[in-house]
């Protein structure tokens, strides 16, 4: 025999006690627009856990780190001279090729 659903048996009709609905979680914070953040702000927000990074955000940070800065000059190797320091290179003199000045 099947029991019908009553207030005493609950909606399921199997005699289980009525369960109160669970409390709703607090409303979520509004999403942060990561495209409006600077690179430093984005990095700080990701490290603090305020923002869950997307692939585009990670790509932005990676390119900023790996791109060489336009205003920085490349470092010269130890002992390497620049063009200004080298000066003009003189050819070696060949003996006997020296012209004598004409007497006036």
PDB file of N, CA and C in Angstrom:
ATOM      1  N   UNK A   1       0.827  -1.168   0.000  1.00  0.00           N
ATOM      2  CA  UNK A   1       0.000   0.000   0.000  1.00  0.00           C
ATOM      3  C   UNK A   1       0.884   1.249   0.000  1.00  0.00           C
ATOM      4  N   UNK A   2       0.558   2.234  -0.814  1.00  0.00           N
ATOM      5  CA  UNK A   2       1.346   3.452  -0.962  1.00  0.00           C
ATOM      6  C   UNK A   2       0.744   4.531  -0.080  1.00  0.00           C
ATOM      7  N   UNK A   3       1.602   5.184   0.636  1.00  0.00           N
ATOM      8  CA  UNK A   3       1.126   6.253   1.509  1.00  0.00           C
ATOM      9  C   UNK A   3       0.976   7.534   0.703  1.00  0.00           C
ATOM     10  N   UNK A   4       0.019   8.291   0.998  1.00  0.00           N
ATOM     11  CA  UNK A   4      -0.165   9.571   0.318  1.00  0.00           C
ATOM     12  C   UNK A   4       0.613  10.647   1.073  1.00  0.00           C
ATOM     13  N   UNK A   5       0.997  11.691   0.354  1.00  0.00           N
ATOM     14  CA  UNK A   5       1.770  12.775   0.961  1.00  0.00           C
ATOM     15  C   UNK A   5       0.865  13.625   1.834  1.00  0.00           C
ATOM     16  N   UNK A   6       1.231  13.733   3.101  1.00  0.00           N
ATOM     17  CA  UNK A   6       0.492  14.584   4.030  1.00  0.00           C
ATOM     18  C   UNK A   6       1.491  15.477   4.740  1.00  0.00           C
ATOM     19  N   UNK A   7       1.009  16.386   5.535  1.00  0.00           N
ATOM     20  CA  UNK A   7       1.885  17.286   6.270  1.00  0.00           C
ATOM     21  C   UNK A   7       2.751  16.512   7.250  1.00  0.00           C
ATOM     22  N   UNK A   8       2.233  15.419   7.789  1.00  0.00           N
ATOM     23  CA  UNK A   8       2.984  14.643   8.774  1.00  0.00           C
ATOM     24  C   UNK A   8       4.087  13.823   8.121  1.00  0.00           C
ATOM     25  N   UNK A   9       3.849  13.326   6.925  1.00  0.00           N
ATOM     26  CA  UNK A   9       4.843  12.465   6.282  1.00  0.00           C
ATOM     27  C   UNK A   9       5.800  13.233   5.383  1.00  0.00           C
ATOM     28  N   UNK A  10       5.547  14.464   5.113  1.00  0.00           N
ATOM     29  CA  UNK A  10       6.414  15.248   4.235  1.00  0.00           C
ATOM     30  C   UNK A  10       6.004  15.077   2.791  1.00  0.00           C
ATOM     31  N   UNK A  11       6.678  15.757   1.903  1.00  0.00           N
ATOM     32  CA  UNK A  11       6.304  15.703   0.493  1.00  0.00           C
ATOM     33  C   UNK A  11       6.641  14.360  -0.128  1.00  0.00           C
ATOM     34  N   UNK A  12       7.649  13.700   0.389  1.00  0.00           N
ATOM     35  CA  UNK A  12       8.087  12.451  -0.223  1.00  0.00           C
ATOM     36  C   UNK A  12       7.122  11.304   0.089  1.00  0.00           C
ATOM     37  N   UNK A  13       6.424  11.394   1.166  1.00  0.00           N
ATOM     38  CA  UNK A  13       5.478  10.357   1.526  1.00  0.00           C
ATOM     39  C   UNK A  13       6.123   9.134   2.133  1.00  0.00           C
ATOM     40  N   UNK A  14       7.407   9.230   2.489  1.00  0.00           N
ATOM     41  CA  UNK A  14       8.089   8.065   3.049  1.00  0.00           C
ATOM     42  C   UNK A  14       8.311   8.206   4.552  1.00  0.00           C
ATOM     43  N   UNK A  15       7.693   9.165   5.160  1.00  0.00           N
ATOM     44  CA  UNK A  15       7.805   9.323   6.594  1.00  0.00           C
ATOM     45  C   UNK A  15       9.010  10.139   7.031  1.00  0.00           C
ATOM     46  N   UNK A  16       9.806  10.654   6.076  1.00  0.00           N
ATOM     47  CA  UNK A  16      10.976  11.455   6.440  1.00  0.00           C
ATOM     48  C   UNK A  16      10.516  12.789   7.011  1.00  0.00           C
ATOM     49  N   UNK A  17      11.258  13.265   7.959  1.00  0.00           N
ATOM     50  CA  UNK A  17      10.904  14.528   8.591  1.00  0.00           C
ATOM     51  C   UNK A  17      11.100  15.671   7.597  1.00  0.00           C
ATOM     52  N   UNK A  18      10.343  16.688   7.785  1.00  0.00           N
ATOM     53  CA  UNK A  18      10.429  17.864   6.924  1.00  0.00           C
ATOM     54  C   UNK A  18      11.741  18.599   7.212  1.00  0.00           C
ATOM     55  N   UNK A  19      12.483  18.897   6.174  1.00  0.00           N
ATOM     56  CA  UNK A  19      13.777  19.570   6.319  1.00  0.00           C
ATOM     57  C   UNK A  19      13.618  21.015   5.889  1.00  0.00           C
ATOM     58  N   UNK A  20      14.086  21.917   6.745  1.00  0.00           N
ATOM     59  CA  UNK A  20      14.019  23.335   6.410  1.00  0.00           C
ATOM     60  C   UNK A  20      15.026  23.637   5.298  1.00  0.00           C
ATOM     61  N   UNK A  21      14.697  24.533   4.409  1.00  0.00           N
ATOM     62  CA  UNK A  21      15.644  24.860   3.336  1.00  0.00           C
ATOM     63  C   UNK A  21      16.914  25.493   3.913  1.00  0.00           C
ATOM     64  N   UNK A  22      18.025  25.193   3.278  1.00  0.00           N
ATOM     65  CA  UNK A  22      19.309  25.724   3.746  1.00  0.00           C
ATOM     66  C   UNK A  22      19.349  27.233   3.535  1.00  0.00           C
ATOM     67  N   UNK A  23      20.122  27.911   4.376  1.00  0.00           N
ATOM     68  CA  UNK A  23      20.251  29.355   4.237  1.00  0.00           C
ATOM     69  C   UNK A  23      21.008  29.670   2.951  1.00  0.00           C
ATOM     70  N   UNK A  24      20.583  30.711   2.337  1.00  0.00           N
ATOM     71  CA  UNK A  24      21.255  31.122   1.116  1.00  0.00           C
ATOM     72  C   UNK A  24      22.602  31.751   1.455  1.00  0.00           C
ATOM     73  N   UNK A  25      23.605  31.524   0.603  1.00  0.00           N
ATOM     74  CA  UNK A  25      24.902  32.156   0.854  1.00  0.00           C
ATOM     75  C   UNK A  25      24.792  33.666   0.647  1.00  0.00           C
ATOM     76  N   UNK A  26      25.681  34.424   1.260  1.00  0.00           N
ATOM     77  CA  UNK A  26      25.621  35.881   1.088  1.00  0.00           C
ATOM     78  C   UNK A  26      25.832  36.240  -0.389  1.00  0.00           C
ATOM     79  N   UNK A  27      25.299  37.358  -0.804  1.00  0.00           N
ATOM     80  CA  UNK A  27      25.445  37.728  -2.218  1.00  0.00           C
ATOM     81  C   UNK A  27      26.923  37.898  -2.587  1.00  0.00           C
ATOM     82  N   UNK A  28      27.231  37.521  -3.822  1.00  0.00           N
ATOM     83  CA  UNK A  28      28.616  37.596  -4.282  1.00  0.00           C
ATOM     84  C   UNK A  28      29.003  39.041  -4.536  1.00  0.00           C
ATOM     85  N   UNK A  29      30.314  39.310  -4.412  1.00  0.00           N
ATOM     86  CA  UNK A  29      30.822  40.641  -4.709  1.00  0.00           C
ATOM     87  C   UNK A  29      30.736  40.861  -6.212  1.00  0.00           C
ATOM     88  N   UNK A  30      30.576  42.106  -6.619  1.00  0.00           N
ATOM     89  CA  UNK A  30      30.545  42.349  -8.063  1.00  0.00           C
ATOM     90  C   UNK A  30      31.906  42.007  -8.676  1.00  0.00           C
ATOM     91  N   UNK A  31      31.880  41.492  -9.887  1.00  0.00           N
ATOM     92  CA  UNK A  31      33.116  41.087 -10.559  1.00  0.00           C
ATOM     93  C   UNK A  31      33.971  42.313 -10.856  1.00  0.00           C
ATOM     94  N   UNK A  32      35.264  42.163 -10.658  1.00  0.00           N
ATOM     95  CA  UNK A  32      36.204  43.251 -10.922  1.00  0.00           C
ATOM     96  C   UNK A  32      36.574  43.207 -12.399  1.00  0.00           C
ATOM     97  N   UNK A  33      36.550  44.369 -13.053  1.00  0.00           N
ATOM     98  CA  UNK A  33      36.937  44.446 -14.461  1.00  0.00           C
ATOM     99  C   UNK A  33      38.458  44.464 -14.530  1.00  0.00           C
ATOM    100  N   UNK A  34      39.050  43.325 -14.861  1.00  0.00           N
ATOM    101  CA  UNK A  34      40.509  43.211 -14.854  1.00  0.00           C
ATOM    102  C   UNK A  34      41.160  43.958 -16.000  1.00  0.00           C
ATOM    103  N   UNK A  35      40.420  44.222 -17.071  1.00  0.00           N
ATOM    104  CA  UNK A  35      41.017  44.946 -18.196  1.00  0.00           C
ATOM    105  C   UNK A  35      41.269  46.406 -17.846  1.00  0.00           C
ATOM    106  N   UNK A  36      40.559  46.937 -16.857  1.00  0.00           N
ATOM    107  CA  UNK A  36      40.744  48.326 -16.454  1.00  0.00           C
ATOM    108  C   UNK A  36      41.906  48.487 -15.472  1.00  0.00           C
ATOM    109  N   UNK A  37      42.384  47.390 -14.896  1.00  0.00           N
ATOM    110  CA  UNK A  37      43.465  47.465 -13.915  1.00  0.00           C
ATOM    111  C   UNK A  37      44.818  47.592 -14.605  1.00  0.00           C
ATOM    112  N   UNK A  38      45.742  48.269 -13.941  1.00  0.00           N
ATOM    113  CA  UNK A  38      47.110  48.315 -14.461  1.00  0.00           C
ATOM    114  C   UNK A  38      47.769  46.966 -14.184  1.00  0.00           C
ATOM    115  N   UNK A  39      48.944  46.767 -14.760  1.00  0.00           N
ATOM    116  CA  UNK A  39      49.630  45.485 -14.588  1.00  0.00           C
ATOM    117  C   UNK A  39      49.983  45.234 -13.129  1.00  0.00           C
ATOM    118  N   UNK A  40      50.425  46.281 -12.422  1.00  0.00           N
ATOM    119  CA  UNK A  40      50.789  46.128 -11.015  1.00  0.00           C
ATOM    120  C   UNK A  40      49.557  45.801 -10.170  1.00  0.00           C
ATOM    121  N   UNK A  41      48.452  46.502 -10.439  1.00  0.00           N
ATOM    122  CA  UNK A  41      47.218  46.258  -9.686  1.00  0.00           C
ATOM    123  C   UNK A  41      46.681  44.855  -9.954  1.00  0.00           C
ATOM    124  N   UNK A  42      46.774  44.423 -11.205  1.00  0.00           N
ATOM    125  CA  UNK A  42      46.306  43.084 -11.566  1.00  0.00           C
ATOM    126  C   UNK A  42      47.136  42.020 -10.866  1.00  0.00           C
ATOM    127  N   UNK A  43      48.452  42.197 -10.844  1.00  0.00           N
ATOM    128  CA  UNK A  43      49.326  41.222 -10.190  1.00  0.00           C
ATOM    129  C   UNK A  43      49.037  41.160  -8.689  1.00  0.00           C
ATOM    130  N   UNK A  44      48.835  42.315  -8.059  1.00  0.00           N
ATOM    131  CA  UNK A  44      48.540  42.340  -6.627  1.00  0.00           C
ATOM    132  C   UNK A  44      47.191  41.684  -6.332  1.00  0.00           C
ATOM    133  N   UNK A  45      46.196  41.926  -7.181  1.00  0.00           N
ATOM    134  CA  UNK A  45      44.870  41.340  -6.968  1.00  0.00           C
ATOM    135  C   UNK A  45      44.905  39.825  -7.129  1.00  0.00           C
ATOM    136  N   UNK A  46      45.696  39.335  -8.078  1.00  0.00           N
ATOM    137  CA  UNK A  46      45.806  37.886  -8.277  1.00  0.00           C
ATOM    138  C   UNK A  46      46.506  37.253  -7.086  1.00  0.00           C
ATOM    139  N   UNK A  47      47.590  37.871  -6.614  1.00  0.00           N
ATOM    140  CA  UNK A  47      48.323  37.321  -5.470  1.00  0.00           C
ATOM    141  C   UNK A  47      47.490  37.357  -4.193  1.00  0.00           C
ATOM    142  N   UNK A  48      46.663  38.389  -4.030  1.00  0.00           N
ATOM    143  CA  UNK A  48      45.831  38.502  -2.832  1.00  0.00           C
ATOM    144  C   UNK A  48      44.618  37.579  -2.895  1.00  0.00           C
ATOM    145  N   UNK A  49      44.329  37.016  -4.054  1.00  0.00           N
ATOM    146  CA  UNK A  49      43.184  36.125  -4.194  1.00  0.00           C
ATOM    147  C   UNK A  49      41.879  36.857  -4.413  1.00  0.00           C
ATOM    148  N   UNK A  50      41.935  38.155  -4.699  1.00  0.00           N
ATOM    149  CA  UNK A  50      40.721  38.929  -4.935  1.00  0.00           C
ATOM    150  C   UNK A  50      40.146  38.646  -6.318  1.00  0.00           C
ATOM    151  N   UNK A  51      41.020  38.253  -7.236  1.00  0.00           N
ATOM    152  CA  UNK A  51      40.612  38.017  -8.618  1.00  0.00           C
ATOM    153  C   UNK A  51      41.059  36.628  -9.027  1.00  0.00           C
ATOM    154  N   UNK A  52      40.177  35.903  -9.674  1.00  0.00           N
ATOM    155  CA  UNK A  52      40.558  34.622 -10.255  1.00  0.00           C
ATOM    156  C   UNK A  52      41.038  34.926 -11.675  1.00  0.00           C
ATOM    157  N   UNK A  53      42.324  34.712 -11.957  1.00  0.00           N
ATOM    158  CA  UNK A  53      42.859  35.163 -13.244  1.00  0.00           C
ATOM    159  C   UNK A  53      42.325  34.348 -14.413  1.00  0.00           C
ATOM    160  N   UNK A  54      42.081  35.043 -15.500  1.00  0.00           N
ATOM    161  CA  UNK A  54      41.690  34.398 -16.745  1.00  0.00           C
ATOM    162  C   UNK A  54      42.945  34.224 -17.591  1.00  0.00           C
ATOM    163  N   UNK A  55      42.828  33.488 -18.667  1.00  0.00           N
ATOM    164  CA  UNK A  55      43.969  33.252 -19.552  1.00  0.00           C
ATOM    165  C   UNK A  55      44.468  34.576 -20.126  1.00  0.00           C
ATOM    166  N   UNK A  56      43.569  35.466 -20.471  1.00  0.00           N
ATOM    167  CA  UNK A  56      43.958  36.758 -21.039  1.00  0.00           C
ATOM    168  C   UNK A  56      44.757  37.578 -20.026  1.00  0.00           C
ATOM    169  N   UNK A  57      44.374  37.499 -18.746  1.00  0.00           N
ATOM    170  CA  UNK A  57      45.102  38.233 -17.709  1.00  0.00           C
ATOM    171  C   UNK A  57      46.514  37.685 -17.551  1.00  0.00           C
ATOM    172  N   UNK A  58      46.627  36.361 -17.538  1.00  0.00           N
ATOM    173  CA  UNK A  58      47.949  35.750 -17.404  1.00  0.00           C
ATOM    174  C   UNK A  58      48.824  36.080 -18.602  1.00  0.00           C
ATOM    175  N   UNK A  59      48.239  36.091 -19.782  1.00  0.00           N
ATOM    176  CA  UNK A  59      48.999  36.421 -20.987  1.00  0.00           C
ATOM    177  C   UNK A  59      49.485  37.869 -20.929  1.00  0.00           C
ATOM    178  N   UNK A  60      48.640  38.784 -20.422  1.00  0.00           N
ATOM    179  CA  UNK A  60      49.028  40.196 -20.281  1.00  0.00           C
ATOM    180  C   UNK A  60      50.218  40.353 -19.346  1.00  0.00           C
ATOM    181  N   UNK A  61      50.157  39.646 -18.212  1.00  0.00           N
ATOM    182  CA  UNK A  61      51.253  39.727 -17.251  1.00  0.00           C
ATOM    183  C   UNK A  61      52.531  39.119 -17.814  1.00  0.00           C
ATOM    184  N   UNK A  62      52.412  37.998 -18.503  1.00  0.00           N
ATOM    185  CA  UNK A  62      53.594  37.324 -19.048  1.00  0.00           C
ATOM    186  C   UNK A  62      54.265  38.163 -20.125  1.00  0.00           C
ATOM    187  N   UNK A  63      53.486  38.774 -21.003  1.00  0.00           N
ATOM    188  CA  UNK A  63      54.096  39.596 -22.052  1.00  0.00           C
ATOM    189  C   UNK A  63      54.747  40.833 -21.462  1.00  0.00           C
ATOM    190  N   UNK A  64      54.174  41.382 -20.397  1.00  0.00           N
ATOM    191  CA  UNK A  64      54.780  42.559 -19.770  1.00  0.00           C
ATOM    192  C   UNK A  64      56.117  42.213 -19.133  1.00  0.00           C
ATOM    193  N   UNK A  65      56.226  41.012 -18.597  1.00  0.00           N
ATOM    194  CA  UNK A  65      57.477  40.605 -17.955  1.00  0.00           C
ATOM    195  C   UNK A  65      58.531  40.258 -18.996  1.00  0.00           C
ATOM    196  N   UNK A  66      58.128  39.541 -20.040  1.00  0.00           N
ATOM    197  CA  UNK A  66      59.088  39.041 -21.011  1.00  0.00           C
ATOM    198  C   UNK A  66      59.472  40.055 -22.078  1.00  0.00           C
ATOM    199  N   UNK A  67      58.666  41.078 -22.301  1.00  0.00           N
ATOM    200  CA  UNK A  67      58.992  42.092 -23.301  1.00  0.00           C
ATOM    201  C   UNK A  67      60.178  42.910 -22.835  1.00  0.00           C
ATOM    202  N   UNK A  68      61.163  43.135 -23.716  1.00  0.00           N
ATOM    203  CA  UNK A  68      62.251  44.026 -23.318  1.00  0.00           C
ATOM    204  C   UNK A  68      61.734  45.463 -23.288  1.00  0.00           C
ATOM    205  N   UNK A  69      62.181  46.191 -22.337  1.00  0.00           N
ATOM    206  CA  UNK A  69      61.753  47.574 -22.207  1.00  0.00           C
ATOM    207  C   UNK A  69      62.375  48.388 -23.341  1.00  0.00           C
ATOM    208  N   UNK A  70      61.616  49.299 -23.932  1.00  0.00           N
ATOM    209  CA  UNK A  70      62.092  50.081 -25.064  1.00  0.00           C
ATOM    210  C   UNK A  70      63.134  51.109 -24.627  1.00  0.00           C
ATOM    211  N   UNK A  71      63.000  51.639 -23.424  1.00  0.00           N
ATOM    212  CA  UNK A  71      63.914  52.684 -22.987  1.00  0.00           C
ATOM    213  C   UNK A  71      65.216  52.135 -22.405  1.00  0.00           C
ATOM    214  N   UNK A  72      65.292  50.850 -22.143  1.00  0.00           N
ATOM    215  CA  UNK A  72      66.514  50.280 -21.585  1.00  0.00           C
ATOM    216  C   UNK A  72      67.480  49.912 -22.695  1.00  0.00           C
ATOM    217  N   UNK A  73      68.765  50.233 -22.488  1.00  0.00           N
ATOM    218  CA  UNK A  73      69.788  49.863 -23.455  1.00  0.00           C
ATOM    219  C   UNK A  73      70.274  48.462 -23.118  1.00  0.00           C
ATOM    220  N   UNK A  74      70.650  47.685 -24.124  1.00  0.00           N
ATOM    221  CA  UNK A  74      71.178  46.351 -23.818  1.00  0.00           C
ATOM    222  C   UNK A  74      72.523  46.465 -23.109  1.00  0.00           C
ATOM    223  N   UNK A  75      72.753  45.571 -22.167  1.00  0.00           N
ATOM    224  CA  UNK A  75      74.003  45.613 -21.418  1.00  0.00           C
ATOM    225  C   UNK A  75      75.141  45.132 -22.298  1.00  0.00           C
ATOM    226  N   UNK A  76      76.275  45.826 -22.201  1.00  0.00           N
ATOM    227  CA  UNK A  76      77.414  45.388 -23.006  1.00  0.00           C
ATOM    228  C   UNK A  76      78.220  44.369 -22.211  1.00  0.00           C
ATOM    229  N   UNK A  77      78.871  43.489 -22.950  1.00  0.00           N
ATOM    230  CA  UNK A  77      79.663  42.438 -22.316  1.00  0.00           C
ATOM    231  C   UNK A  77      80.906  43.056 -21.678  1.00  0.00           C
ATOM    232  N   UNK A  78      81.474  42.342 -20.742  1.00  0.00           N
ATOM    233  CA  UNK A  78      82.644  42.849 -20.035  1.00  0.00           C
ATOM    234  C   UNK A  78      83.804  42.996 -21.020  1.00  0.00           C
ATOM    235  N   UNK A  79      84.410  44.164 -21.036  1.00  0.00           N
ATOM    236  CA  UNK A  79      85.548  44.412 -21.909  1.00  0.00           C
ATOM    237  C   UNK A  79      85.141  44.872 -23.299  1.00  0.00           C
ATOM    238  N   UNK A  80      83.877  44.882 -23.610  1.00  0.00           N
ATOM    239  CA  UNK A  80      83.427  45.311 -24.928  1.00  0.00           C
ATOM    240  C   UNK A  80      83.376  46.831 -24.964  1.00  0.00           C
ATOM    241  N   UNK A  81      83.876  47.402 -26.048  1.00  0.00           N
ATOM    242  CA  UNK A  81      83.896  48.853 -26.165  1.00  0.00           C
ATOM    243  C   UNK A  81      82.802  49.301 -27.124  1.00  0.00           C
ATOM    244  N   UNK A  82      82.298  50.489 -26.879  1.00  0.00           N
ATOM    245  CA  UNK A  82      81.301  51.044 -27.784  1.00  0.00           C
ATOM    246  C   UNK A  82      82.009  51.679 -28.971  1.00  0.00           C
ATOM    247  N   UNK A  83      81.245  52.121 -29.966  1.00  0.00           N
ATOM    248  CA  UNK A  83      81.839  52.716 -31.162  1.00  0.00           C
ATOM    249  C   UNK A  83      82.602  53.991 -30.820  1.00  0.00           C
ATOM    250  N   UNK A  84      82.089  54.768 -29.886  1.00  0.00           N
ATOM    251  CA  UNK A  84      82.759  56.014 -29.514  1.00  0.00           C
ATOM    252  C   UNK A  84      84.102  55.739 -28.847  1.00  0.00           C
ATOM    253  N   UNK A  85      84.173  54.698 -28.057  1.00  0.00           N
ATOM    254  CA  UNK A  85      85.410  54.387 -27.345  1.00  0.00           C
ATOM    255  C   UNK A  85      86.474  53.815 -28.274  1.00  0.00           C
ATOM    256  N   UNK A  86      86.054  53.175 -29.370  1.00  0.00           N
ATOM    257  CA  UNK A  86      87.017  52.552 -30.276  1.00  0.00           C
ATOM    258  C   UNK A  86      87.799  53.595 -31.059  1.00  0.00           C
ATOM    259  N   UNK A  87      87.152  54.640 -31.512  1.00  0.00           N
ATOM    260  CA  UNK A  87      87.821  55.649 -32.316  1.00  0.00           C
ATOM    261  C   UNK A  87      88.080  55.123 -33.719  1.00  0.00           C
ATOM    262  N   UNK A  88      88.871  55.870 -34.494  1.00  0.00           N
ATOM    263  CA  UNK A  88      89.197  55.431 -35.851  1.00  0.00           C
ATOM    264  C   UNK A  88      90.328  54.428 -35.801  1.00  0.00           C
ATOM    265  N   UNK A  89      90.218  53.434 -36.645  1.00  0.00           N
ATOM    266  CA  UNK A  89      91.253  52.410 -36.709  1.00  0.00           C
ATOM    267  C   UNK A  89      92.243  52.796 -37.803  1.00  0.00           C
ATOM    268  N   UNK A  90      93.495  52.982 -37.449  1.00  0.00           N
ATOM    269  CA  UNK A  90      94.516  53.377 -38.421  1.00  0.00           C
ATOM    270  C   UNK A  90      95.161  52.136 -39.012  1.00  0.00           C
ATOM    271  N   UNK A  91      95.419  52.217 -40.305  1.00  0.00           N
ATOM    272  CA  UNK A  91      96.097  51.119 -40.979  1.00  0.00           C
ATOM    273  C   UNK A  91      97.582  51.153 -40.641  1.00  0.00           C
ATOM    274  N   UNK A  92      98.238  50.011 -40.659  1.00  0.00           N
ATOM    275  CA  UNK A  92      99.678  50.007 -40.358  1.00  0.00           C
ATOM    276  C   UNK A  92     100.465  50.685 -41.482  1.00  0.00           C
ATOM    277  N   UNK A  93     101.563  51.316 -41.091  1.00  0.00           N
ATOM    278  CA  UNK A  93     102.401  52.013 -42.074  1.00  0.00           C
ATOM    279  C   UNK A  93     103.292  51.002 -42.781  1.00  0.00           C
ATOM    280  N   UNK A  94     103.468  51.237 -44.090  1.00  0.00           N
ATOM    281  CA  UNK A  94     104.342  50.369 -44.874  1.00  0.00           C
ATOM    282  C   UNK A  94     105.675  51.098 -45.028  1.00  0.00           C
ATOM    283  N   UNK A  95     106.773  50.461 -44.640  1.00  0.00           N
ATOM    284  CA  UNK A  95     108.067  51.152 -44.753  1.00  0.00           C
ATOM    285  C   UNK A  95     108.419  51.431 -46.222  1.00  0.00           C
ATOM    286  N   UNK A  96     109.050  52.549 -46.473  1.00  0.00           N
ATOM    287  CA  UNK A  96     109.471  52.923 -47.814  1.00  0.00           C
ATOM    288  C   UNK A  96     108.372  53.585 -48.618  1.00  0.00           C
ATOM    289  N   UNK A  97     107.216  53.719 -48.099  1.00  0.00           N
ATOM    290  CA  UNK A  97     106.114  54.337 -48.828  1.00  0.00           C
ATOM    291  C   UNK A  97     105.945  55.810 -48.469  1.00  0.00           C
ATOM    292  N   UNK A  98     106.782  56.273 -47.561  1.00  0.00           N
ATOM    293  CA  UNK A  98     106.662  57.637 -47.095  1.00  0.00           C
ATOM    294  C   UNK A  98     107.144  58.586 -48.191  1.00  0.00           C
ATOM    295  N   UNK A  99     106.315  59.538 -48.582  1.00  0.00           N
ATOM    296  CA  UNK A  99     106.706  60.504 -49.606  1.00  0.00           C
ATOM    297  C   UNK A  99     107.449  61.642 -48.935  1.00  0.00           C
ATOM    298  N   UNK A 100     108.457  62.101 -49.615  1.00  0.00           N
ATOM    299  CA  UNK A 100     109.232  63.222 -49.095  1.00  0.00           C
ATOM    300  C   UNK A 100     108.555  64.514 -49.511  1.00  0.00           C
ATOM    301  N   UNK A 101     108.639  65.484 -48.622  1.00  0.00           N
ATOM    302  CA  UNK A 101     108.049  66.776 -48.917  1.00  0.00           C
ATOM    303  C   UNK A 101     108.915  67.469 -49.973  1.00  0.00           C
ATOM    304  N   UNK A 102     108.264  68.096 -50.906  1.00  0.00           N
ATOM    305  CA  UNK A 102     108.992  68.828 -51.953  1.00  0.00           C
ATOM    306  C   UNK A 102     109.467  70.147 -51.373  1.00  0.00           C
ATOM    307  N   UNK A 103     110.723  70.482 -51.726  1.00  0.00           N
ATOM    308  CA  UNK A 103     111.271  71.742 -51.219  1.00  0.00           C
ATOM    309  C   UNK A 103     110.762  72.872 -52.092  1.00  0.00           C
ATOM    310  N   UNK A 104     110.347  73.910 -51.476  1.00  0.00           N
ATOM    311  CA  UNK A 104     109.808  75.026 -52.232  1.00  0.00           C
ATOM    312  C   UNK A 104     110.812  76.084 -52.520  1.00  0.00           C
TER     313      UNK A 104
END
